[in-house]
PDB file of all heavy atoms in Angstrom:
ATOM      1  N   ILE A   1       0.845  -1.137   0.084  1.00  0.00           N
ATOM      2  CA  ILE A   1      -0.005   0.082  -0.026  1.00  0.00           C
ATOM      3  C   ILE A   1       0.938   1.280   0.084  1.00  0.00           C
ATOM      4  O   ILE A   1       1.831   1.350   0.756  1.00  0.00           O
ATOM      5  CB  ILE A   1      -0.983   0.005   1.142  1.00  0.00           C
ATOM      6  CG1 ILE A   1      -1.874  -1.184   1.196  1.00  0.00           C
ATOM      7  CG2 ILE A   1      -1.747   1.353   1.260  1.00  0.00           C
ATOM      8  CD1 ILE A   1      -2.693  -1.303   2.505  1.00  0.00           C
ATOM      9  N   GLU A   2       0.485   2.212  -0.792  1.00  0.00           N
ATOM     10  CA  GLU A   2       1.222   3.487  -0.898  1.00  0.00           C
ATOM     11  C   GLU A   2       0.473   4.490  -0.032  1.00  0.00           C
ATOM     12  O   GLU A   2      -0.616   4.692  -0.220  1.00  0.00           O
ATOM     13  CB  GLU A   2       1.426   4.053  -2.235  1.00  0.00           C
ATOM     14  CG  GLU A   2       2.115   5.280  -2.400  1.00  0.00           C
ATOM     15  CD  GLU A   2       2.049   5.950  -3.761  1.00  0.00           C
ATOM     16  OE1 GLU A   2       1.317   5.405  -4.607  1.00  0.00           O
ATOM     17  OE2 GLU A   2       2.626   7.089  -3.990  1.00  0.00           O
ATOM     18  N   ILE A   3       1.130   5.068   0.986  1.00  0.00           N
ATOM     19  CA  ILE A   3       0.492   6.156   1.832  1.00  0.00           C
ATOM     20  C   ILE A   3       0.633   7.441   0.982  1.00  0.00           C
ATOM     21  O   ILE A   3       1.713   7.956   0.996  1.00  0.00           O
ATOM     22  CB  ILE A   3       1.230   6.257   3.152  1.00  0.00           C
ATOM     23  CG1 ILE A   3       1.066   4.936   3.938  1.00  0.00           C
ATOM     24  CG2 ILE A   3       0.545   7.326   3.983  1.00  0.00           C
ATOM     25  CD1 ILE A   3      -0.338   4.424   4.121  1.00  0.00           C
ATOM     26  N   VAL A   4      -0.471   7.962   0.528  1.00  0.00           N
ATOM     27  CA  VAL A   4      -0.458   9.192  -0.342  1.00  0.00           C
ATOM     28  C   VAL A   4      -0.607  10.405   0.400  1.00  0.00           C
ATOM     29  O   VAL A   4      -0.313  11.613  -0.085  1.00  0.00           O
ATOM     30  CB  VAL A   4      -1.513   9.030  -1.510  1.00  0.00           C
ATOM     31  CG1 VAL A   4      -1.187   7.878  -2.359  1.00  0.00           C
ATOM     32  CG2 VAL A   4      -2.883   8.924  -0.886  1.00  0.00           C
ATOM     33  N   ALA A   5      -1.095  10.264   1.719  1.00  0.00           N
ATOM     34  CA  ALA A   5      -1.276  11.553   2.526  1.00  0.00           C
ATOM     35  C   ALA A   5      -1.228  11.063   4.017  1.00  0.00           C
ATOM     36  O   ALA A   5      -1.681   9.898   4.291  1.00  0.00           O
ATOM     37  CB  ALA A   5      -2.549  12.189   2.135  1.00  0.00           C
ATOM     38  N   GLU A   6      -0.942  12.072   4.905  1.00  0.00           N
ATOM     39  CA  GLU A   6      -0.982  11.691   6.304  1.00  0.00           C
ATOM     40  C   GLU A   6      -1.674  12.829   7.008  1.00  0.00           C
ATOM     41  O   GLU A   6      -1.457  13.998   6.708  1.00  0.00           O
ATOM     42  CB  GLU A   6       0.498  11.510   6.841  1.00  0.00           C
ATOM     43  CG  GLU A   6       1.284  10.373   6.290  1.00  0.00           C
ATOM     44  CD  GLU A   6       2.675  10.214   6.841  1.00  0.00           C
ATOM     45  OE1 GLU A   6       3.332  11.309   6.817  1.00  0.00           O
ATOM     46  OE2 GLU A   6       2.947   9.160   7.250  1.00  0.00           O
ATOM     47  N   ARG A   7      -2.311  12.417   8.065  1.00  0.00           N
ATOM     48  CA  ARG A   7      -3.031  13.543   8.927  1.00  0.00           C
ATOM     49  C   ARG A   7      -2.727  13.203  10.400  1.00  0.00           C
ATOM     50  O   ARG A   7      -2.923  12.046  10.715  1.00  0.00           O
ATOM     51  CB  ARG A   7      -4.584  13.598   8.723  1.00  0.00           C
ATOM     52  CG  ARG A   7      -4.941  14.044   7.166  1.00  0.00           C
ATOM     53  CD  ARG A   7      -4.491  15.435   6.907  1.00  0.00           C
ATOM     54  NE  ARG A   7      -4.794  16.005   5.647  1.00  0.00           N
ATOM     55  CZ  ARG A   7      -4.177  15.727   4.362  1.00  0.00           C
ATOM     56  NH1 ARG A   7      -3.019  15.045   4.521  1.00  0.00           N
ATOM     57  NH2 ARG A   7      -4.669  16.196   3.282  1.00  0.00           N
ATOM     58  N   THR A   8      -2.418  14.105  11.123  1.00  0.00           N
ATOM     59  CA  THR A   8      -2.093  13.851  12.590  1.00  0.00           C
ATOM     60  C   THR A   8      -2.920  14.706  13.507  1.00  0.00           C
ATOM     61  O   THR A   8      -3.085  15.960  13.174  1.00  0.00           O
ATOM     62  CB  THR A   8      -0.546  14.114  12.849  1.00  0.00           C
ATOM     63  OG1 THR A   8       0.176  13.317  11.936  1.00  0.00           O
ATOM     64  CG2 THR A   8      -0.210  13.806  14.286  1.00  0.00           C
ATOM     65  N   GLU A   9      -3.480  14.232  14.523  1.00  0.00           N
ATOM     66  CA  GLU A   9      -4.384  14.924  15.404  1.00  0.00           C
ATOM     67  C   GLU A   9      -4.008  14.618  16.969  1.00  0.00           C
ATOM     68  O   GLU A   9      -3.679  13.470  17.312  1.00  0.00           O
ATOM     69  CB  GLU A   9      -5.862  14.536  15.118  1.00  0.00           C
ATOM     70  CG  GLU A   9      -6.847  15.514  15.502  1.00  0.00           C
ATOM     71  CD  GLU A   9      -7.985  15.697  14.574  1.00  0.00           C
ATOM     72  OE1 GLU A   9      -8.384  14.678  13.995  1.00  0.00           O
ATOM     73  OE2 GLU A   9      -8.185  16.838  14.112  1.00  0.00           O
ATOM     74  N   VAL A  10      -4.174  15.770  17.749  1.00  0.00           N
ATOM     75  CA  VAL A  10      -4.117  15.553  19.197  1.00  0.00           C
ATOM     76  C   VAL A  10      -5.494  16.017  19.764  1.00  0.00           C
ATOM     77  O   VAL A  10      -5.766  17.207  19.903  1.00  0.00           O
ATOM     78  CB  VAL A  10      -2.986  16.370  19.862  1.00  0.00           C
ATOM     79  CG1 VAL A  10      -3.023  16.156  21.358  1.00  0.00           C
ATOM     80  CG2 VAL A  10      -1.608  15.856  19.216  1.00  0.00           C
ATOM     81  N   GLU A  11      -6.353  15.040  19.914  1.00  0.00           N
ATOM     82  CA  GLU A  11      -7.651  15.321  20.452  1.00  0.00           C
ATOM     83  C   GLU A  11      -8.421  14.193  20.900  1.00  0.00           C
ATOM     84  O   GLU A  11      -8.017  13.077  20.558  1.00  0.00           O
ATOM     85  CB  GLU A  11      -8.485  15.893  19.139  1.00  0.00           C
ATOM     86  CG  GLU A  11      -9.960  16.291  19.447  1.00  0.00           C
ATOM     87  CD  GLU A  11     -10.159  17.303  20.567  1.00  0.00           C
ATOM     88  OE1 GLU A  11     -10.031  18.436  20.274  1.00  0.00           O
ATOM     89  OE2 GLU A  11     -10.328  16.831  21.713  1.00  0.00           O
ATOM     90  N   THR A  12      -9.336  14.372  21.974  1.00  0.00           N
ATOM     91  CA  THR A  12      -9.976  13.296  22.531  1.00  0.00           C
ATOM     92  C   THR A  12     -10.802  12.650  21.497  1.00  0.00           C
ATOM     93  O   THR A  12     -11.387  13.386  20.601  1.00  0.00           O
ATOM     94  CB  THR A  12     -10.850  13.758  23.699  1.00  0.00           C
ATOM     95  OG1 THR A  12     -11.589  12.676  24.219  1.00  0.00           O
ATOM     96  CG2 THR A  12     -11.840  14.845  23.348  1.00  0.00           C
ATOM     97  N   GLY A  13     -11.251  11.344  21.632  1.00  0.00           N
ATOM     98  CA  GLY A  13     -12.106  10.655  20.824  1.00  0.00           C
ATOM     99  C   GLY A  13     -13.564  10.649  21.335  1.00  0.00           C
ATOM    100  O   GLY A  13     -14.301   9.846  20.813  1.00  0.00           O
ATOM    101  N   LYS A  14     -13.654  11.132  22.526  1.00  0.00           N
ATOM    102  CA  LYS A  14     -14.926  10.998  23.248  1.00  0.00           C
ATOM    103  C   LYS A  14     -15.998  11.930  22.762  1.00  0.00           C
ATOM    104  O   LYS A  14     -15.772  13.013  22.259  1.00  0.00           O
ATOM    105  CB  LYS A  14     -14.836  11.285  24.730  1.00  0.00           C
ATOM    106  CG  LYS A  14     -13.866  10.242  25.441  1.00  0.00           C
ATOM    107  CD  LYS A  14     -13.804  10.630  26.903  1.00  0.00           C
ATOM    108  CE  LYS A  14     -12.864   9.632  27.672  1.00  0.00           C
ATOM    109  NZ  LYS A  14     -12.730   9.940  29.064  1.00  0.00           N
ATOM    110  N   GLY A  15     -17.299  11.460  22.833  1.00  0.00           N
ATOM    111  CA  GLY A  15     -18.447  12.312  22.438  1.00  0.00           C
ATOM    112  C   GLY A  15     -19.019  11.998  21.128  1.00  0.00           C
ATOM    113  O   GLY A  15     -18.312  11.697  20.158  1.00  0.00           O
ATOM    114  N   ALA A  16     -20.376  12.186  20.884  1.00  0.00           N
ATOM    115  CA  ALA A  16     -20.998  11.930  19.670  1.00  0.00           C
ATOM    116  C   ALA A  16     -20.566  13.072  18.635  1.00  0.00           C
ATOM    117  O   ALA A  16     -20.631  12.751  17.450  1.00  0.00           O
ATOM    118  CB  ALA A  16     -22.549  12.000  19.901  1.00  0.00           C
ATOM    119  N   ASP A  17     -20.083  14.172  19.092  1.00  0.00           N
ATOM    120  CA  ASP A  17     -19.735  15.192  18.174  1.00  0.00           C
ATOM    121  C   ASP A  17     -18.225  15.323  17.945  1.00  0.00           C
ATOM    122  O   ASP A  17     -17.699  16.332  17.516  1.00  0.00           O
ATOM    123  CB  ASP A  17     -20.217  16.540  18.616  1.00  0.00           C
ATOM    124  CG  ASP A  17     -19.520  16.940  19.888  1.00  0.00           C
ATOM    125  OD1 ASP A  17     -19.160  16.087  20.675  1.00  0.00           O
ATOM    126  OD2 ASP A  17     -19.598  18.120  20.212  1.00  0.00           O
ATOM    127  N   ALA A  18     -17.528  14.123  18.136  1.00  0.00           N
ATOM    128  CA  ALA A  18     -16.090  14.124  18.062  1.00  0.00           C
ATOM    129  C   ALA A  18     -15.525  14.595  16.762  1.00  0.00           C
ATOM    130  O   ALA A  18     -14.486  15.137  16.724  1.00  0.00           O
ATOM    131  CB  ALA A  18     -15.503  12.757  18.555  1.00  0.00           C
ATOM    132  N   LEU A  19     -16.243  14.171  15.696  1.00  0.00           N
ATOM    133  CA  LEU A  19     -15.708  14.634  14.318  1.00  0.00           C
ATOM    134  C   LEU A  19     -15.630  16.104  14.231  1.00  0.00           C
ATOM    135  O   LEU A  19     -14.779  16.608  13.545  1.00  0.00           O
ATOM    136  CB  LEU A  19     -16.627  13.939  13.162  1.00  0.00           C
ATOM    137  CG  LEU A  19     -16.088  14.069  11.944  1.00  0.00           C
ATOM    138  CD1 LEU A  19     -14.696  13.503  11.752  1.00  0.00           C
ATOM    139  CD2 LEU A  19     -16.982  13.422  10.830  1.00  0.00           C
ATOM    140  N   ASP A  20     -16.557  16.839  14.854  1.00  0.00           N
ATOM    141  CA  ASP A  20     -16.646  18.320  14.716  1.00  0.00           C
ATOM    142  C   ASP A  20     -15.290  18.845  15.462  1.00  0.00           C
ATOM    143  O   ASP A  20     -14.838  19.936  15.116  1.00  0.00           O
ATOM    144  CB  ASP A  20     -17.846  18.832  15.492  1.00  0.00           C
ATOM    145  CG  ASP A  20     -19.067  18.515  14.788  1.00  0.00           C
ATOM    146  OD1 ASP A  20     -18.946  18.208  13.564  1.00  0.00           O
ATOM    147  OD2 ASP A  20     -20.181  18.519  15.390  1.00  0.00           O
ATOM    148  N   ARG A  21     -14.760  18.104  16.457  1.00  0.00           N
ATOM    149  CA  ARG A  21     -13.480  18.612  17.153  1.00  0.00           C
ATOM    150  C   ARG A  21     -12.289  17.994  16.575  1.00  0.00           C
ATOM    151  O   ARG A  21     -11.236  18.154  17.178  1.00  0.00           O
ATOM    152  CB  ARG A  21     -13.737  18.233  18.636  1.00  0.00           C
ATOM    153  CG  ARG A  21     -14.832  18.755  19.264  1.00  0.00           C
ATOM    154  CD  ARG A  21     -14.837  18.636  20.857  1.00  0.00           C
ATOM    155  NE  ARG A  21     -14.521  17.307  21.200  1.00  0.00           N
ATOM    156  CZ  ARG A  21     -15.505  16.351  21.505  1.00  0.00           C
ATOM    157  NH1 ARG A  21     -16.739  16.610  21.235  1.00  0.00           N
ATOM    158  NH2 ARG A  21     -15.149  15.180  21.855  1.00  0.00           N
ATOM    159  N   ARG A  22     -12.446  17.277  15.408  1.00  0.00           N
ATOM    160  CA  ARG A  22     -11.307  16.559  14.851  1.00  0.00           C
ATOM    161  C   ARG A  22     -11.188  16.879  13.370  1.00  0.00           C
ATOM    162  O   ARG A  22     -11.485  16.121  12.600  1.00  0.00           O
ATOM    163  CB  ARG A  22     -11.371  15.099  15.030  1.00  0.00           C
ATOM    164  CG  ARG A  22     -11.124  14.697  16.605  1.00  0.00           C
ATOM    165  CD  ARG A  22     -11.660  13.299  16.931  1.00  0.00           C
ATOM    166  NE  ARG A  22     -11.016  12.286  16.186  1.00  0.00           N
ATOM    167  CZ  ARG A  22     -11.323  10.915  16.332  1.00  0.00           C
ATOM    168  NH1 ARG A  22     -12.212  10.604  17.132  1.00  0.00           N
ATOM    169  NH2 ARG A  22     -10.430  10.071  15.826  1.00  0.00           N
ATOM    170  N   PRO A  23     -10.710  18.195  13.124  1.00  0.00           N
ATOM    171  CA  PRO A  23     -10.727  18.692  11.783  1.00  0.00           C
ATOM    172  C   PRO A  23      -9.704  17.775  10.870  1.00  0.00           C
ATOM    173  O   PRO A  23      -9.885  17.623   9.745  1.00  0.00           O
ATOM    174  CB  PRO A  23     -10.222  20.100  11.800  1.00  0.00           C
ATOM    175  CG  PRO A  23      -9.518  20.165  13.247  1.00  0.00           C
ATOM    176  CD  PRO A  23     -10.315  19.165  14.089  1.00  0.00           C
ATOM    177  N   GLU A  24      -8.657  17.252  11.473  1.00  0.00           N
ATOM    178  CA  GLU A  24      -7.615  16.475  10.735  1.00  0.00           C
ATOM    179  C   GLU A  24      -8.288  15.242  10.280  1.00  0.00           C
ATOM    180  O   GLU A  24      -8.037  14.682   9.040  1.00  0.00           O
ATOM    181  CB  GLU A  24      -6.403  16.118  11.602  1.00  0.00           C
ATOM    182  CG  GLU A  24      -5.561  17.374  11.909  1.00  0.00           C
ATOM    183  CD  GLU A  24      -5.151  18.091  10.635  1.00  0.00           C
ATOM    184  OE1 GLU A  24      -4.689  17.354   9.636  1.00  0.00           O
ATOM    185  OE2 GLU A  24      -5.102  19.360  10.685  1.00  0.00           O
ATOM    186  N   LEU A  25      -9.155  14.472  11.090  1.00  0.00           N
ATOM    187  CA  LEU A  25      -9.913  13.308  10.603  1.00  0.00           C
ATOM    188  C   LEU A  25     -10.807  13.604   9.499  1.00  0.00           C
ATOM    189  O   LEU A  25     -10.953  12.903   8.465  1.00  0.00           O
ATOM    190  CB  LEU A  25     -10.693  12.669  11.757  1.00  0.00           C
ATOM    191  CG  LEU A  25     -11.437  11.460  11.367  1.00  0.00           C
ATOM    192  CD1 LEU A  25     -10.678  10.411  10.706  1.00  0.00           C
ATOM    193  CD2 LEU A  25     -12.088  10.917  12.575  1.00  0.00           C
ATOM    194  N   ALA A  26     -11.541  14.776   9.603  1.00  0.00           N
ATOM    195  CA  ALA A  26     -12.492  15.198   8.513  1.00  0.00           C
ATOM    196  C   ALA A  26     -11.665  15.557   7.243  1.00  0.00           C
ATOM    197  O   ALA A  26     -12.136  15.096   6.109  1.00  0.00           O
ATOM    198  CB  ALA A  26     -13.105  16.597   8.909  1.00  0.00           C
ATOM    199  N   ASP A  27     -10.561  16.069   7.344  1.00  0.00           N
ATOM    200  CA  ASP A  27      -9.649  16.312   6.172  1.00  0.00           C
ATOM    201  C   ASP A  27      -9.149  14.944   5.551  1.00  0.00           C
ATOM    202  O   ASP A  27      -9.042  14.836   4.347  1.00  0.00           O
ATOM    203  CB  ASP A  27      -8.411  17.165   6.548  1.00  0.00           C
ATOM    204  CG  ASP A  27      -7.824  17.803   5.363  1.00  0.00           C
ATOM    205  OD1 ASP A  27      -8.457  18.179   4.346  1.00  0.00           O
ATOM    206  OD2 ASP A  27      -6.590  17.827   5.391  1.00  0.00           O
ATOM    207  N   ALA A  28      -8.806  14.063   6.357  1.00  0.00           N
ATOM    208  CA  ALA A  28      -8.376  12.741   6.073  1.00  0.00           C
ATOM    209  C   ALA A  28      -9.541  11.922   5.199  1.00  0.00           C
ATOM    210  O   ALA A  28      -9.179  11.345   4.071  1.00  0.00           O
ATOM    211  CB  ALA A  28      -7.975  11.836   7.163  1.00  0.00           C
ATOM    212  N   LEU A  29     -10.674  12.176   5.656  1.00  0.00           N
ATOM    213  CA  LEU A  29     -11.900  11.612   4.898  1.00  0.00           C
ATOM    214  C   LEU A  29     -11.960  12.262   3.545  1.00  0.00           C
ATOM    215  O   LEU A  29     -12.189  11.607   2.599  1.00  0.00           O
ATOM    216  CB  LEU A  29     -13.134  11.801   5.788  1.00  0.00           C
ATOM    217  CG  LEU A  29     -13.358  10.930   7.024  1.00  0.00           C
ATOM    218  CD1 LEU A  29     -14.390  11.512   7.755  1.00  0.00           C
ATOM    219  CD2 LEU A  29     -13.522   9.481   6.635  1.00  0.00           C
ATOM    220  N   ALA A  30     -11.887  13.539   3.549  1.00  0.00           N
ATOM    221  CA  ALA A  30     -11.941  14.357   2.281  1.00  0.00           C
ATOM    222  C   ALA A  30     -10.916  13.858   1.320  1.00  0.00           C
ATOM    223  O   ALA A  30     -11.121  13.744   0.080  1.00  0.00           O
ATOM    224  CB  ALA A  30     -11.878  15.763   2.573  1.00  0.00           C
ATOM    225  N   ALA A  31      -9.582  13.764   1.923  1.00  0.00           N
ATOM    226  CA  ALA A  31      -8.532  13.428   1.037  1.00  0.00           C
ATOM    227  C   ALA A  31      -8.745  11.995   0.414  1.00  0.00           C
ATOM    228  O   ALA A  31      -8.394  11.678  -0.651  1.00  0.00           O
ATOM    229  CB  ALA A  31      -7.140  13.484   1.783  1.00  0.00           C
ATOM    230  N   ALA A  32      -9.184  11.088   1.241  1.00  0.00           N
ATOM    231  CA  ALA A  32      -9.456   9.708   0.814  1.00  0.00           C
ATOM    232  C   ALA A  32     -10.619   9.664  -0.246  1.00  0.00           C
ATOM    233  O   ALA A  32     -10.443   8.842  -1.258  1.00  0.00           O
ATOM    234  CB  ALA A  32      -9.839   8.892   2.049  1.00  0.00           C
ATOM    235  N   ARG A  33     -11.628  10.494  -0.053  1.00  0.00           N
ATOM    236  CA  ARG A  33     -12.595  10.525  -1.154  1.00  0.00           C
ATOM    237  C   ARG A  33     -12.003  11.002  -2.448  1.00  0.00           C
ATOM    238  O   ARG A  33     -12.410  10.472  -3.509  1.00  0.00           O
ATOM    239  CB  ARG A  33     -13.771  11.409  -0.683  1.00  0.00           C
ATOM    240  CG  ARG A  33     -14.769  10.802   0.316  1.00  0.00           C
ATOM    241  CD  ARG A  33     -16.056  11.519   0.380  1.00  0.00           C
ATOM    242  NE  ARG A  33     -15.763  12.823   1.092  1.00  0.00           N
ATOM    243  CZ  ARG A  33     -15.855  13.084   2.335  1.00  0.00           C
ATOM    244  NH1 ARG A  33     -16.160  12.084   3.164  1.00  0.00           N
ATOM    245  NH2 ARG A  33     -15.595  14.275   2.810  1.00  0.00           N
ATOM    246  N   ARG A  34     -11.225  12.048  -2.373  1.00  0.00           N
ATOM    247  CA  ARG A  34     -10.582  12.538  -3.593  1.00  0.00           C
ATOM    248  C   ARG A  34      -9.760  11.520  -4.215  1.00  0.00           C
ATOM    249  O   ARG A  34      -9.669  11.392  -5.534  1.00  0.00           O
ATOM    250  CB  ARG A  34      -9.701  13.820  -3.376  1.00  0.00           C
ATOM    251  CG  ARG A  34     -10.663  15.006  -3.005  1.00  0.00           C
ATOM    252  CD  ARG A  34      -9.742  16.335  -3.054  1.00  0.00           C
ATOM    253  NE  ARG A  34      -8.685  16.227  -2.037  1.00  0.00           N
ATOM    254  CZ  ARG A  34      -8.753  16.696  -0.761  1.00  0.00           C
ATOM    255  NH1 ARG A  34      -9.907  17.180  -0.428  1.00  0.00           N
ATOM    256  NH2 ARG A  34      -7.729  16.567   0.031  1.00  0.00           N
ATOM    257  N   ALA A  35      -8.964  10.768  -3.564  1.00  0.00           N
ATOM    258  CA  ALA A  35      -8.015   9.770  -4.080  1.00  0.00           C
ATOM    259  C   ALA A  35      -8.707   8.364  -4.271  1.00  0.00           C
ATOM    260  O   ALA A  35      -8.125   7.500  -4.881  1.00  0.00           O
ATOM    261  CB  ALA A  35      -6.894   9.507  -3.124  1.00  0.00           C
ATOM    262  N   LYS A  36      -9.971   8.303  -3.865  1.00  0.00           N
ATOM    263  CA  LYS A  36     -10.826   7.005  -3.958  1.00  0.00           C
ATOM    264  C   LYS A  36     -10.074   6.061  -3.364  1.00  0.00           C
ATOM    265  O   LYS A  36      -9.829   4.843  -3.975  1.00  0.00           O
ATOM    266  CB  LYS A  36     -11.087   6.823  -5.473  1.00  0.00           C
ATOM    267  CG  LYS A  36     -12.021   7.875  -6.078  1.00  0.00           C
ATOM    268  CD  LYS A  36     -12.220   7.508  -7.596  1.00  0.00           C
ATOM    269  CE  LYS A  36     -13.133   8.557  -8.176  1.00  0.00           C
ATOM    270  NZ  LYS A  36     -13.347   8.222  -9.571  1.00  0.00           N
ATOM    271  N   CYS A  37      -9.699   6.209  -1.992  1.00  0.00           N
ATOM    272  CA  CYS A  37      -8.883   5.080  -1.391  1.00  0.00           C
ATOM    273  C   CYS A  37      -9.325   5.107   0.164  1.00  0.00           C
ATOM    274  O   CYS A  37     -10.089   6.064   0.579  1.00  0.00           O
ATOM    275  CB  CYS A  37      -7.415   5.378  -1.509  1.00  0.00           C
ATOM    276  SG  CYS A  37      -6.921   6.882  -0.487  1.00  0.00           S
ATOM    277  N   PRO A  38      -8.903   4.218   0.908  1.00  0.00           N
ATOM    278  CA  PRO A  38      -9.418   4.106   2.160  1.00  0.00           C
ATOM    279  C   PRO A  38      -8.415   4.891   3.226  1.00  0.00           C
ATOM    280  O   PRO A  38      -7.352   5.348   2.736  1.00  0.00           O
ATOM    281  CB  PRO A  38      -9.228   2.558   2.651  1.00  0.00           C
ATOM    282  CG  PRO A  38      -8.029   2.179   1.891  1.00  0.00           C
ATOM    283  CD  PRO A  38      -8.227   2.901   0.440  1.00  0.00           C
ATOM    284  N   VAL A  39      -8.982   5.138   4.433  1.00  0.00           N
ATOM    285  CA  VAL A  39      -8.149   5.710   5.521  1.00  0.00           C
ATOM    286  C   VAL A  39      -7.583   4.567   6.302  1.00  0.00           C
ATOM    287  O   VAL A  39      -8.357   3.616   6.753  1.00  0.00           O
ATOM    288  CB  VAL A  39      -9.079   6.638   6.414  1.00  0.00           C
ATOM    289  CG1 VAL A  39      -8.238   7.082   7.585  1.00  0.00           C
ATOM    290  CG2 VAL A  39      -9.486   7.856   5.500  1.00  0.00           C
TER     291      VAL A  39
END
């Protein structure tokens, strides 16, 4: 597997709204959609 991008975050994973507090994960999802690949 070729790692085409990396995202790093320092943030708690607790809470139902955790994605709102984790912009790097949201960005990783967007990058994966553009590259049509998994995270």
